[in-house]
């Protein structure tokens, strides 16, 4: 899942640019389809990303 979230967000950054903030509400459903895992909320996906950054 770690590699998939990195690939997914890298594609988003490539498409929208580095200055565009992540829109977690729209990203979550797309990412859930890729990994076949449901996050409880948008904040859960953001927390996963923040944990990876640390």
N, C-alpha and C. Protein backbone atom coordinates (compact mmCIF):
# COMPACT_ATOMS: atom_id res chain seq x y z
N UNK A 1 0.83 -1.19 0.00
CA UNK A 1 0.00 0.00 0.00
C UNK A 1 0.87 1.26 0.00
N UNK A 2 2.02 1.19 0.64
CA UNK A 2 2.91 2.36 0.71
C UNK A 2 3.37 2.75 -0.69
N UNK A 3 3.81 1.78 -1.47
CA UNK A 3 4.27 2.08 -2.82
C UNK A 3 3.13 2.59 -3.70
N UNK A 4 1.95 2.04 -3.52
CA UNK A 4 0.81 2.47 -4.32
C UNK A 4 0.40 3.91 -4.01
N UNK A 5 0.42 4.28 -2.73
CA UNK A 5 0.06 5.66 -2.39
C UNK A 5 1.12 6.63 -2.93
N UNK A 6 2.38 6.21 -2.93
CA UNK A 6 3.44 7.07 -3.50
C UNK A 6 3.25 7.24 -4.99
N UNK A 7 2.98 6.15 -5.69
CA UNK A 7 2.75 6.23 -7.14
C UNK A 7 1.53 7.08 -7.47
N UNK A 8 0.47 6.85 -6.72
CA UNK A 8 -0.79 7.56 -6.96
C UNK A 8 -0.62 9.07 -6.76
N UNK A 9 0.00 9.46 -5.68
CA UNK A 9 0.19 10.88 -5.40
C UNK A 9 1.22 11.51 -6.33
N UNK A 10 2.19 10.73 -6.77
CA UNK A 10 3.15 11.23 -7.74
C UNK A 10 2.46 11.55 -9.07
N UNK A 11 1.54 10.70 -9.49
CA UNK A 11 0.77 10.96 -10.72
C UNK A 11 -0.07 12.22 -10.55
N UNK A 12 -0.66 12.39 -9.36
CA UNK A 12 -1.47 13.59 -9.10
C UNK A 12 -0.62 14.85 -9.19
N UNK A 13 0.56 14.81 -8.60
CA UNK A 13 1.46 15.97 -8.61
C UNK A 13 1.91 16.26 -10.04
N UNK A 14 2.21 15.22 -10.80
CA UNK A 14 2.64 15.41 -12.18
C UNK A 14 1.53 16.06 -13.00
N UNK A 15 0.31 15.65 -12.75
CA UNK A 15 -0.83 16.16 -13.52
C UNK A 15 -1.23 17.58 -13.10
N UNK A 16 -1.22 17.86 -11.80
CA UNK A 16 -1.75 19.13 -11.28
C UNK A 16 -0.68 20.13 -10.85
N UNK A 17 0.55 19.73 -10.76
CA UNK A 17 1.61 20.63 -10.33
C UNK A 17 1.86 20.54 -8.83
N UNK A 18 3.02 21.00 -8.43
CA UNK A 18 3.42 20.90 -7.02
C UNK A 18 2.72 21.90 -6.13
N UNK A 19 2.21 22.98 -6.70
CA UNK A 19 1.59 24.01 -5.87
C UNK A 19 0.13 23.72 -5.57
N UNK A 20 -0.45 22.75 -6.25
CA UNK A 20 -1.84 22.40 -6.03
C UNK A 20 -1.95 21.50 -4.80
N UNK A 21 -2.76 21.88 -3.82
CA UNK A 21 -2.91 21.03 -2.63
C UNK A 21 -3.71 19.76 -2.98
N UNK A 22 -3.49 18.72 -2.20
CA UNK A 22 -4.23 17.48 -2.41
C UNK A 22 -5.69 17.70 -2.03
N UNK A 23 -6.57 17.22 -2.85
CA UNK A 23 -8.01 17.25 -2.56
C UNK A 23 -8.39 15.85 -2.11
N UNK A 24 -8.28 15.61 -0.80
CA UNK A 24 -8.44 14.27 -0.25
C UNK A 24 -9.82 13.70 -0.50
N UNK A 25 -10.84 14.56 -0.57
CA UNK A 25 -12.21 14.09 -0.79
C UNK A 25 -12.33 13.40 -2.15
N UNK A 26 -11.69 13.97 -3.16
CA UNK A 26 -11.78 13.38 -4.49
C UNK A 26 -10.73 12.28 -4.71
N UNK A 27 -9.64 12.31 -3.98
CA UNK A 27 -8.58 11.31 -4.14
C UNK A 27 -8.93 9.97 -3.50
N UNK A 28 -9.63 10.01 -2.40
CA UNK A 28 -9.90 8.78 -1.65
C UNK A 28 -10.63 7.72 -2.46
N UNK A 29 -11.76 8.04 -3.14
CA UNK A 29 -12.44 6.98 -3.90
C UNK A 29 -11.59 6.37 -5.02
N UNK A 30 -10.81 7.20 -5.68
CA UNK A 30 -9.95 6.70 -6.75
C UNK A 30 -8.89 5.76 -6.19
N UNK A 31 -8.29 6.14 -5.07
CA UNK A 31 -7.24 5.33 -4.47
C UNK A 31 -7.80 4.04 -3.90
N UNK A 32 -8.99 4.08 -3.34
CA UNK A 32 -9.61 2.87 -2.78
C UNK A 32 -9.85 1.83 -3.87
N UNK A 33 -10.18 2.27 -5.07
CA UNK A 33 -10.36 1.33 -6.18
C UNK A 33 -9.06 0.64 -6.54
N UNK A 34 -7.95 1.36 -6.47
CA UNK A 34 -6.66 0.81 -6.84
C UNK A 34 -6.20 -0.26 -5.85
N UNK A 35 -6.34 0.02 -4.56
CA UNK A 35 -5.79 -0.89 -3.55
C UNK A 35 -6.81 -1.83 -2.93
N UNK A 36 -8.08 -1.68 -3.27
CA UNK A 36 -9.15 -2.52 -2.71
C UNK A 36 -9.17 -2.48 -1.18
N UNK A 37 -9.07 -1.27 -0.66
CA UNK A 37 -9.12 -1.05 0.79
C UNK A 37 -9.94 0.21 1.03
N UNK A 38 -10.86 0.15 1.97
CA UNK A 38 -11.69 1.32 2.27
C UNK A 38 -11.16 2.03 3.49
N UNK A 39 -10.90 3.32 3.34
CA UNK A 39 -10.52 4.15 4.47
C UNK A 39 -11.80 4.61 5.17
N UNK A 40 -11.71 4.81 6.46
CA UNK A 40 -12.86 5.22 7.25
C UNK A 40 -13.31 6.62 6.83
N UNK A 41 -12.34 7.50 6.57
CA UNK A 41 -12.66 8.88 6.18
C UNK A 41 -11.52 9.43 5.34
N UNK A 42 -11.73 10.64 4.85
CA UNK A 42 -10.68 11.32 4.09
C UNK A 42 -9.48 11.62 4.98
N UNK A 43 -9.77 11.90 6.23
CA UNK A 43 -8.71 12.21 7.19
C UNK A 43 -7.81 11.00 7.42
N UNK A 44 -8.37 9.80 7.35
CA UNK A 44 -7.57 8.59 7.54
C UNK A 44 -6.51 8.46 6.46
N UNK A 45 -6.89 8.78 5.23
CA UNK A 45 -5.92 8.72 4.13
C UNK A 45 -4.86 9.80 4.30
N UNK A 46 -5.27 10.97 4.72
CA UNK A 46 -4.32 12.06 4.96
C UNK A 46 -3.36 11.69 6.09
N UNK A 47 -3.88 11.07 7.15
CA UNK A 47 -3.03 10.64 8.26
C UNK A 47 -2.00 9.60 7.81
N UNK A 48 -2.42 8.70 6.92
CA UNK A 48 -1.49 7.70 6.37
C UNK A 48 -0.37 8.40 5.62
N UNK A 49 -0.72 9.38 4.80
CA UNK A 49 0.25 10.15 4.04
C UNK A 49 1.19 10.92 4.98
N UNK A 50 0.63 11.57 5.98
CA UNK A 50 1.45 12.31 6.94
C UNK A 50 2.41 11.39 7.69
N UNK A 51 1.96 10.20 8.03
CA UNK A 51 2.82 9.24 8.70
C UNK A 51 3.97 8.80 7.81
N UNK A 52 3.72 8.64 6.54
CA UNK A 52 4.77 8.27 5.59
C UNK A 52 5.80 9.39 5.44
N UNK A 53 5.36 10.61 5.50
CA UNK A 53 6.27 11.74 5.35
C UNK A 53 7.26 11.82 6.50
N UNK A 54 6.81 11.44 7.69
CA UNK A 54 7.69 11.50 8.87
C UNK A 54 8.77 10.44 8.74
